[in-house]
Amino acid sequence: MTTVRTRVRRISEKETFDIEVLDNNGAAVPLDRHGVLESWPHEKATKNSKTVKEWQDKFSRAHPGYSAKVFKEDGTVAPPQTLLSTVRDTYEE
């Protein structure tokens, strides 16, 4: 079974931003847990014109019972209304 760490890494590589997976209670899911998340069903990165909230809704649909925080490069949580283009720009050098 695949760990949360592996799933998070693959999603982050595709989406080009960091995330943290949360359970129904809002607690971080341990990265070493196995069999919690299915494969990310999306082949392409989410469009830059979408907001963090829209992406989080997409994540929750793909992984019922779980949610995710989206982080900017400096480690701060991206607010829900932030465009993904803005989040991704923080990772560019």
Protein backbone atom coordinates (compact mmCIF):
# COMPACT_ATOMS: atom_id res chain seq x y z
CA MET A 1 0.00 0.00 0.00
CA THR A 2 1.14 3.50 -0.78
CA THR A 3 1.94 5.99 1.97
CA VAL A 4 0.42 9.44 2.33
CA ARG A 5 3.95 10.80 1.81
CA THR A 6 4.13 9.24 -1.66
CA ARG A 7 0.67 10.47 -2.65
CA VAL A 8 1.42 14.00 -1.39
CA ARG A 9 4.73 14.07 -3.24
CA ARG A 10 3.12 13.00 -6.52
CA ILE A 11 0.29 15.52 -6.20
CA SER A 12 2.74 18.29 -5.29
CA GLU A 13 4.97 17.46 -8.26
CA LYS A 14 2.02 17.60 -10.64
CA GLU A 15 0.42 20.72 -9.15
CA THR A 16 3.76 22.44 -8.36
CA PHE A 17 2.83 23.48 -4.83
CA ASP A 18 3.03 21.80 -1.43
CA ILE A 19 0.04 20.38 0.42
CA GLU A 20 -0.84 18.79 3.73
CA VAL A 21 -3.62 16.20 4.02
CA LEU A 22 -6.15 16.61 6.83
CA ASP A 23 -8.69 14.18 8.24
CA ASN A 24 -12.37 14.95 9.02
CA ASN A 25 -11.34 16.54 12.32
CA GLY A 26 -8.86 18.89 10.65
CA ALA A 27 -5.84 17.01 12.01
CA ALA A 28 -2.84 16.35 9.80
CA VAL A 29 -2.74 12.80 8.47
CA PRO A 30 0.63 11.20 9.30
CA LEU A 31 2.82 10.90 6.21
CA ASP A 32 3.75 7.32 7.04
CA ARG A 33 0.14 6.06 7.02
CA HIS A 34 -0.59 3.48 4.35
CA GLY A 35 -3.64 3.01 2.16
CA VAL A 36 -5.37 6.26 3.05
CA LEU A 37 -5.41 8.01 -0.34
CA GLU A 38 -6.12 6.68 -3.79
CA SER A 39 -4.01 7.74 -6.76
CA TRP A 40 -4.55 11.32 -7.90
CA PRO A 41 -7.02 10.84 -10.78
CA HIS A 42 -6.04 13.96 -12.72
CA GLU A 43 -3.41 13.79 -15.45
CA LYS A 44 -2.84 17.53 -15.77
CA ALA A 45 -2.24 20.28 -13.26
CA THR A 46 -5.24 22.36 -12.29
CA LYS A 47 -5.59 25.57 -14.29
CA ASN A 48 -3.86 28.67 -12.92
CA SER A 49 -7.16 30.56 -13.06
CA LYS A 50 -8.69 28.32 -10.37
CA THR A 51 -8.60 29.31 -6.70
CA VAL A 52 -7.15 27.40 -3.80
CA LYS A 53 -10.74 26.71 -2.62
CA GLU A 54 -11.65 25.24 -6.01
CA TRP A 55 -8.57 23.02 -5.88
CA GLN A 56 -9.37 21.95 -2.31
CA ASP A 57 -12.89 21.00 -3.41
CA LYS A 58 -11.36 18.97 -6.25
CA PHE A 59 -9.06 17.22 -3.75
CA SER A 60 -11.97 16.41 -1.40
CA ARG A 61 -14.01 14.96 -4.27
CA ALA A 62 -11.07 12.72 -5.21
CA HIS A 63 -10.45 11.74 -1.57
CA PRO A 64 -13.78 11.69 0.33
CA GLY A 65 -13.32 12.25 4.04
CA TYR A 66 -10.10 14.23 3.58
CA SER A 67 -9.16 17.82 2.86
CA ALA A 68 -5.90 19.59 2.13
CA LYS A 69 -4.04 22.75 3.00
CA VAL A 70 -2.18 24.47 0.17
CA PHE A 71 1.11 26.16 0.99
CA LYS A 72 3.08 28.97 -0.58
CA GLU A 73 6.82 28.44 -0.99
CA ASP A 74 7.58 30.23 2.30
CA GLY A 75 5.46 27.69 4.20
CA THR A 76 2.46 29.93 4.84
CA VAL A 77 -1.01 28.59 4.10
CA ALA A 78 -2.53 30.04 0.95
CA PRO A 79 -5.95 31.64 1.62
CA PRO A 80 -8.91 30.02 -0.16
CA GLN A 81 -9.52 32.94 -2.52
CA THR A 82 -5.92 32.94 -3.83
CA LEU A 83 -5.44 32.02 -7.47
CA LEU A 84 -3.29 28.97 -8.08
CA SER A 85 -1.15 31.10 -10.39
CA THR A 86 -0.29 33.29 -7.41
CA VAL A 87 0.59 30.25 -5.28
CA ARG A 88 2.74 28.76 -8.03
CA ASP A 89 4.52 32.07 -8.63
CA THR A 90 5.87 31.90 -5.06
CA TYR A 91 7.80 28.74 -6.04
CA GLU A 92 9.47 30.27 -9.08
CA GLU A 93 13.00 31.49 -8.79
